[in-house]
């Protein structure tokens, strides 16, 4: 990216001091200097990984990007229905110890065992009957609130075929609080709401 910007600056006669200083026709010295300073400022700011991301005090840009990538990867991998043991994959998203708060369908689950039972019941009664099911993440926003805390809000749809062969879609919205433990992001609190108009 830096090389590309440098090349564009050179073509426009905006090369920084010490580089090629040829000016494009119609570009005054004052315009060239102002453009050089603007480009330098933007590039240095974009590649300053020590500064706060602006969304949360104490979170650097590199920490924010790493957390967002890790959480997105974990969620997308867990909801890959082509992998074996879907209930186990989904449970791997949740903290292995301590309380877990999960709200959906007007109810709150407060323990890992209850959550596991709910996930298993969904998969047994609904999930495994969905043919060619795949999750489409229509939106996913991940805000890193602290170096070890993040919140994800996402919307999704799951197109599939019913056992009868008819096409069907379920979907909804999901907000989850993640904490970083032992290098892994885990859900400790969540709320899910179904979209009754998905299909």
C-alpha atoms as a PDB file:
ATOM      1  CA  UNK A   1       0.000   0.000   0.000  1.00  0.00           C
ATOM      2  CA  UNK A   2       2.788   2.430   0.899  1.00  0.00           C
ATOM      3  CA  UNK A   3       4.531   1.705  -2.411  1.00  0.00           C
ATOM      4  CA  UNK A   4       1.317   2.362  -4.302  1.00  0.00           C
ATOM      5  CA  UNK A   5       0.810   5.694  -2.557  1.00  0.00           C
ATOM      6  CA  UNK A   6       4.403   6.644  -3.209  1.00  0.00           C
ATOM      7  CA  UNK A   7       3.977   5.840  -6.886  1.00  0.00           C
ATOM      8  CA  UNK A   8       0.851   7.952  -7.135  1.00  0.00           C
ATOM      9  CA  UNK A   9       2.579  10.808  -5.365  1.00  0.00           C
ATOM     10  CA  UNK A  10       5.463  10.644  -7.830  1.00  0.00           C
ATOM     11  CA  UNK A  11       3.119  10.659 -10.816  1.00  0.00           C
ATOM     12  CA  UNK A  12       1.400  13.757  -9.502  1.00  0.00           C
ATOM     13  CA  UNK A  13       4.670  15.514  -8.799  1.00  0.00           C
ATOM     14  CA  UNK A  14       4.113  15.126  -5.067  1.00  0.00           C
ATOM     15  CA  UNK A  15       7.192  13.115  -4.104  1.00  0.00           C
ATOM     16  CA  UNK A  16       8.457  13.732  -0.597  1.00  0.00           C
ATOM     17  CA  UNK A  17      11.783  15.476  -0.021  1.00  0.00           C
ATOM     18  CA  UNK A  18      14.616  13.151  -0.911  1.00  0.00           C
ATOM     19  CA  UNK A  19      12.562  11.417  -3.618  1.00  0.00           C
ATOM     20  CA  UNK A  20      11.923  12.420  -7.191  1.00  0.00           C
ATOM     21  CA  UNK A  21      10.851  16.073  -7.092  1.00  0.00           C
ATOM     22  CA  UNK A  22       9.445  16.544 -10.579  1.00  0.00           C
ATOM     23  CA  UNK A  23       6.273  18.650 -10.493  1.00  0.00           C
ATOM     24  CA  UNK A  24       3.256  17.950 -12.640  1.00  0.00           C
ATOM     25  CA  UNK A  25       2.229  20.759 -14.991  1.00  0.00           C
ATOM     26  CA  UNK A  26      -0.045  23.243 -13.255  1.00  0.00           C
ATOM     27  CA  UNK A  27       1.002  22.213  -9.720  1.00  0.00           C
ATOM     28  CA  UNK A  28       2.441  25.063  -7.697  1.00  0.00           C
ATOM     29  CA  UNK A  29       5.119  24.575  -5.068  1.00  0.00           C
ATOM     30  CA  UNK A  30       2.590  25.427  -2.337  1.00  0.00           C
ATOM     31  CA  UNK A  31       0.099  22.838  -3.624  1.00  0.00           C
ATOM     32  CA  UNK A  32       2.850  20.204  -3.845  1.00  0.00           C
ATOM     33  CA  UNK A  33       4.037  20.804  -0.267  1.00  0.00           C
ATOM     34  CA  UNK A  34       0.481  20.747   1.101  1.00  0.00           C
ATOM     35  CA  UNK A  35      -0.280  17.485  -0.707  1.00  0.00           C
ATOM     36  CA  UNK A  36       2.973  15.915   0.502  1.00  0.00           C
ATOM     37  CA  UNK A  37       2.143  16.753   4.095  1.00  0.00           C
ATOM     38  CA  UNK A  38      -1.419  15.435   3.782  1.00  0.00           C
ATOM     39  CA  UNK A  39      -0.288  12.117   2.276  1.00  0.00           C
ATOM     40  CA  UNK A  40       2.482  11.685   4.840  1.00  0.00           C
ATOM     41  CA  UNK A  41       0.073  12.374   7.719  1.00  0.00           C
ATOM     42  CA  UNK A  42      -2.537   9.899   6.441  1.00  0.00           C
ATOM     43  CA  UNK A  43      -0.008   7.124   5.808  1.00  0.00           C
ATOM     44  CA  UNK A  44       1.681   7.535   9.200  1.00  0.00           C
ATOM     45  CA  UNK A  45      -1.693   7.528  10.974  1.00  0.00           C
ATOM     46  CA  UNK A  46      -2.874   4.441   9.090  1.00  0.00           C
ATOM     47  CA  UNK A  47       0.235   2.472  10.027  1.00  0.00           C
ATOM     48  CA  UNK A  48       0.533   3.633  13.646  1.00  0.00           C
ATOM     49  CA  UNK A  49      -0.427   0.418  15.439  1.00  0.00           C
ATOM     50  CA  UNK A  50       0.455   1.834  18.858  1.00  0.00           C
ATOM     51  CA  UNK A  51      -2.392   4.326  18.994  1.00  0.00           C
ATOM     52  CA  UNK A  52      -5.866   3.642  20.280  1.00  0.00           C
ATOM     53  CA  UNK A  53      -8.406   2.502  17.710  1.00  0.00           C
ATOM     54  CA  UNK A  54     -10.702   5.325  18.785  1.00  0.00           C
ATOM     55  CA  UNK A  55     -13.530   2.958  19.747  1.00  0.00           C
ATOM     56  CA  UNK A  56     -12.223   2.010  23.185  1.00  0.00           C
ATOM     57  CA  UNK A  57      -9.498   3.481  25.401  1.00  0.00           C
ATOM     58  CA  UNK A  58      -6.511   1.195  25.815  1.00  0.00           C
ATOM     59  CA  UNK A  59      -7.210  -0.870  22.689  1.00  0.00           C
ATOM     60  CA  UNK A  60      -4.643  -0.472  19.932  1.00  0.00           C
ATOM     61  CA  UNK A  61      -5.517  -0.847  16.275  1.00  0.00           C
ATOM     62  CA  UNK A  62      -3.574  -4.105  16.015  1.00  0.00           C
ATOM     63  CA  UNK A  63      -5.391  -5.534  19.081  1.00  0.00           C
ATOM     64  CA  UNK A  64      -8.749  -4.540  17.607  1.00  0.00           C
ATOM     65  CA  UNK A  65      -8.035  -6.073  14.215  1.00  0.00           C
ATOM     66  CA  UNK A  66      -6.669  -9.298  15.733  1.00  0.00           C
ATOM     67  CA  UNK A  67      -9.715  -9.687  18.007  1.00  0.00           C
ATOM     68  CA  UNK A  68     -12.177  -9.023  15.202  1.00  0.00           C
ATOM     69  CA  UNK A  69     -10.503 -11.545  12.920  1.00  0.00           C
ATOM     70  CA  UNK A  70     -10.281 -14.207  15.640  1.00  0.00           C
ATOM     71  CA  UNK A  71     -13.925 -13.848  16.703  1.00  0.00           C
ATOM     72  CA  UNK A  72     -15.220 -13.847  13.130  1.00  0.00           C
ATOM     73  CA  UNK A  73     -13.175 -16.954  12.326  1.00  0.00           C
ATOM     74  CA  UNK A  74     -14.355 -18.798  15.451  1.00  0.00           C
ATOM     75  CA  UNK A  75     -18.012 -18.000  14.778  1.00  0.00           C
ATOM     76  CA  UNK A  76     -17.924 -18.854  11.075  1.00  0.00           C
ATOM     77  CA  UNK A  77     -16.058 -22.111  11.771  1.00  0.00           C
ATOM     78  CA  UNK A  78     -18.490 -23.167  14.515  1.00  0.00           C
ATOM     79  CA  UNK A  79     -21.452 -22.577  12.204  1.00  0.00           C
ATOM     80  CA  UNK A  80     -19.987 -24.552   9.319  1.00  0.00           C
ATOM     81  CA  UNK A  81     -22.570 -27.320   9.159  1.00  0.00           C
ATOM     82  CA  UNK A  82     -20.369 -29.419   6.859  1.00  0.00           C
ATOM     83  CA  UNK A  83     -18.075 -30.222   9.788  1.00  0.00           C
ATOM     84  CA  UNK A  84     -18.917 -33.211  12.013  1.00  0.00           C
ATOM     85  CA  UNK A  85     -20.367 -32.819  15.526  1.00  0.00           C
ATOM     86  CA  UNK A  86     -22.242 -29.556  15.010  1.00  0.00           C
ATOM     87  CA  UNK A  87     -23.513 -29.359  18.635  1.00  0.00           C
ATOM     88  CA  UNK A  88     -19.954 -29.780  19.907  1.00  0.00           C
ATOM     89  CA  UNK A  89     -18.663 -27.146  17.491  1.00  0.00           C
ATOM     90  CA  UNK A  90     -21.298 -24.681  18.674  1.00  0.00           C
ATOM     91  CA  UNK A  91     -20.560 -25.379  22.344  1.00  0.00           C
ATOM     92  CA  UNK A  92     -16.881 -24.671  21.714  1.00  0.00           C
ATOM     93  CA  UNK A  93     -17.814 -21.004  21.345  1.00  0.00           C
ATOM     94  CA  UNK A  94     -18.804 -20.762  25.005  1.00  0.00           C
ATOM     95  CA  UNK A  95     -16.617 -20.377  28.070  1.00  0.00           C
ATOM     96  CA  UNK A  96     -15.671 -23.809  29.470  1.00  0.00           C
ATOM     97  CA  UNK A  97     -16.095 -22.658  33.063  1.00  0.00           C
ATOM     98  CA  UNK A  98     -18.146 -20.103  34.940  1.00  0.00           C
ATOM     99  CA  UNK A  99     -21.682 -18.866  34.317  1.00  0.00           C
ATOM    100  CA  UNK A 100     -23.050 -18.356  30.812  1.00  0.00           C
ATOM    101  CA  UNK A 101     -26.094 -16.166  30.267  1.00  0.00           C
ATOM    102  CA  UNK A 102     -28.063 -16.944  27.131  1.00  0.00           C
ATOM    103  CA  UNK A 103     -31.382 -15.262  26.344  1.00  0.00           C
ATOM    104  CA  UNK A 104     -33.635 -16.439  23.513  1.00  0.00           C
ATOM    105  CA  UNK A 105     -37.314 -17.132  22.957  1.00  0.00           C
ATOM    106  CA  UNK A 106     -38.270 -15.160  26.052  1.00  0.00           C
ATOM    107  CA  UNK A 107     -36.154 -17.355  28.347  1.00  0.00           C
ATOM    108  CA  UNK A 108     -32.754 -17.085  30.018  1.00  0.00           C
ATOM    109  CA  UNK A 109     -30.313 -19.964  30.405  1.00  0.00           C
ATOM    110  CA  UNK A 110     -27.680 -19.550  33.106  1.00  0.00           C
ATOM    111  CA  UNK A 111     -25.569 -22.712  32.996  1.00  0.00           C
ATOM    112  CA  UNK A 112     -23.396 -24.476  30.469  1.00  0.00           C
ATOM    113  CA  UNK A 113     -25.300 -27.755  30.918  1.00  0.00           C
ATOM    114  CA  UNK A 114     -28.640 -26.091  30.178  1.00  0.00           C
ATOM    115  CA  UNK A 115     -27.157 -24.360  27.151  1.00  0.00           C
ATOM    116  CA  UNK A 116     -25.746 -27.642  25.864  1.00  0.00           C
ATOM    117  CA  UNK A 117     -29.132 -29.315  26.269  1.00  0.00           C
ATOM    118  CA  UNK A 118     -30.813 -26.507  24.354  1.00  0.00           C
ATOM    119  CA  UNK A 119     -28.317 -26.676  21.495  1.00  0.00           C
ATOM    120  CA  UNK A 120     -28.594 -30.460  21.311  1.00  0.00           C
ATOM    121  CA  UNK A 121     -32.406 -30.249  21.278  1.00  0.00           C
ATOM    122  CA  UNK A 122     -32.322 -27.697  18.449  1.00  0.00           C
ATOM    123  CA  UNK A 123     -29.984 -29.823  16.382  1.00  0.00           C
ATOM    124  CA  UNK A 124     -31.898 -33.058  16.996  1.00  0.00           C
ATOM    125  CA  UNK A 125     -35.348 -31.620  16.328  1.00  0.00           C
ATOM    126  CA  UNK A 126     -34.574 -28.989  13.695  1.00  0.00           C
ATOM    127  CA  UNK A 127     -30.984 -28.693  12.587  1.00  0.00           C
ATOM    128  CA  UNK A 128     -30.303 -32.191  11.327  1.00  0.00           C
ATOM    129  CA  UNK A 129     -33.550 -32.104   9.330  1.00  0.00           C
ATOM    130  CA  UNK A 130     -32.361 -29.101   7.308  1.00  0.00           C
ATOM    131  CA  UNK A 131     -30.987 -30.309   3.969  1.00  0.00           C
ATOM    132  CA  UNK A 132     -28.082 -28.428   2.359  1.00  0.00           C
ATOM    133  CA  UNK A 133     -28.169 -25.853   5.144  1.00  0.00           C
ATOM    134  CA  UNK A 134     -25.572 -23.127   5.250  1.00  0.00           C
ATOM    135  CA  UNK A 135     -25.281 -19.941   7.272  1.00  0.00           C
ATOM    136  CA  UNK A 136     -25.122 -16.590   5.518  1.00  0.00           C
ATOM    137  CA  UNK A 137     -23.887 -13.756   7.739  1.00  0.00           C
ATOM    138  CA  UNK A 138     -25.728 -10.729   6.393  1.00  0.00           C
ATOM    139  CA  UNK A 139     -24.006  -8.400   8.873  1.00  0.00           C
ATOM    140  CA  UNK A 140     -21.410  -8.788  11.600  1.00  0.00           C
ATOM    141  CA  UNK A 141     -20.225  -5.925  13.799  1.00  0.00           C
ATOM    142  CA  UNK A 142     -17.499  -6.592  16.364  1.00  0.00           C
ATOM    143  CA  UNK A 143     -16.599  -3.861  18.862  1.00  0.00           C
ATOM    144  CA  UNK A 144     -13.529  -4.443  21.027  1.00  0.00           C
ATOM    145  CA  UNK A 145     -14.311  -2.777  24.343  1.00  0.00           C
ATOM    146  CA  UNK A 146     -11.060  -3.693  26.115  1.00  0.00           C
ATOM    147  CA  UNK A 147      -8.020  -5.849  25.268  1.00  0.00           C
ATOM    148  CA  UNK A 148      -9.880  -8.890  26.615  1.00  0.00           C
ATOM    149  CA  UNK A 149     -13.536  -8.000  26.040  1.00  0.00           C
ATOM    150  CA  UNK A 150     -15.523  -7.666  22.807  1.00  0.00           C
ATOM    151  CA  UNK A 151     -19.143  -7.646  21.716  1.00  0.00           C
ATOM    152  CA  UNK A 152     -20.461  -9.000  18.431  1.00  0.00           C
ATOM    153  CA  UNK A 153     -23.810  -8.125  16.900  1.00  0.00           C
ATOM    154  CA  UNK A 154     -24.728 -10.078  13.785  1.00  0.00           C
ATOM    155  CA  UNK A 155     -27.656 -10.923  11.563  1.00  0.00           C
ATOM    156  CA  UNK A 156     -27.876 -14.213   9.711  1.00  0.00           C
ATOM    157  CA  UNK A 157     -30.036 -16.384   7.507  1.00  0.00           C
ATOM    158  CA  UNK A 158     -29.893 -20.150   6.995  1.00  0.00           C
ATOM    159  CA  UNK A 159     -31.305 -21.257   3.628  1.00  0.00           C
ATOM    160  CA  UNK A 160     -32.079 -24.979   3.429  1.00  0.00           C
ATOM    161  CA  UNK A 161     -34.548 -27.522   2.163  1.00  0.00           C
ATOM    162  CA  UNK A 162     -37.126 -29.144   4.388  1.00  0.00           C
ATOM    163  CA  UNK A 163     -37.409 -32.966   4.458  1.00  0.00           C
ATOM    164  CA  UNK A 164     -40.269 -32.556   1.981  1.00  0.00           C
ATOM    165  CA  UNK A 165     -37.870 -30.846  -0.418  1.00  0.00           C
ATOM    166  CA  UNK A 166     -39.452 -27.409  -0.139  1.00  0.00           C
ATOM    167  CA  UNK A 167     -37.056 -24.448   0.235  1.00  0.00           C
ATOM    168  CA  UNK A 168     -37.090 -22.709   3.608  1.00  0.00           C
ATOM    169  CA  UNK A 169     -35.091 -20.019   5.405  1.00  0.00           C
ATOM    170  CA  UNK A 170     -34.664 -19.259   9.083  1.00  0.00           C
ATOM    171  CA  UNK A 171     -32.773 -16.248  10.392  1.00  0.00           C
ATOM    172  CA  UNK A 172     -32.397 -13.707  13.120  1.00  0.00           C
ATOM    173  CA  UNK A 173     -30.088 -11.410  15.049  1.00  0.00           C
ATOM    174  CA  UNK A 174     -27.476 -12.317  17.630  1.00  0.00           C
ATOM    175  CA  UNK A 175     -25.541 -10.241  20.151  1.00  0.00           C
ATOM    176  CA  UNK A 176     -22.771 -11.939  22.124  1.00  0.00           C
ATOM    177  CA  UNK A 177     -20.187 -10.772  24.658  1.00  0.00           C
ATOM    178  CA  UNK A 178     -16.791 -12.435  24.267  1.00  0.00           C
ATOM    179  CA  UNK A 179     -13.926 -12.598  26.769  1.00  0.00           C
ATOM    180  CA  UNK A 180     -10.349 -13.601  26.006  1.00  0.00           C
ATOM    181  CA  UNK A 181      -9.122 -16.556  28.069  1.00  0.00           C
ATOM    182  CA  UNK A 182      -5.950 -18.478  27.365  1.00  0.00           C
ATOM    183  CA  UNK A 183      -5.638 -17.003  23.895  1.00  0.00           C
ATOM    184  CA  UNK A 184      -9.189 -17.990  22.899  1.00  0.00           C
ATOM    185  CA  UNK A 185     -12.309 -15.828  22.672  1.00  0.00           C
ATOM    186  CA  UNK A 186     -15.338 -17.281  24.492  1.00  0.00           C
ATOM    187  CA  UNK A 187     -18.965 -16.207  24.795  1.00  0.00           C
ATOM    188  CA  UNK A 188     -20.158 -15.448  28.343  1.00  0.00           C
ATOM    189  CA  UNK A 189     -23.384 -13.594  27.571  1.00  0.00           C
ATOM    190  CA  UNK A 190     -25.685 -13.548  24.550  1.00  0.00           C
ATOM    191  CA  UNK A 191     -29.115 -12.676  23.229  1.00  0.00           C
ATOM    192  CA  UNK A 192     -30.709 -14.202  20.147  1.00  0.00           C
ATOM    193  CA  UNK A 193     -33.884 -13.097  18.405  1.00  0.00           C
ATOM    194  CA  UNK A 194     -35.560 -14.952  15.555  1.00  0.00           C
ATOM    195  CA  UNK A 195     -36.732 -13.205  12.426  1.00  0.00           C
ATOM    196  CA  UNK A 196     -40.326 -14.395  11.993  1.00  0.00           C
ATOM    197  CA  UNK A 197     -40.321 -13.115   8.399  1.00  0.00           C
ATOM    198  CA  UNK A 198     -37.190 -14.958   7.280  1.00  0.00           C
ATOM    199  CA  UNK A 199     -39.255 -17.301   5.124  1.00  0.00           C
END
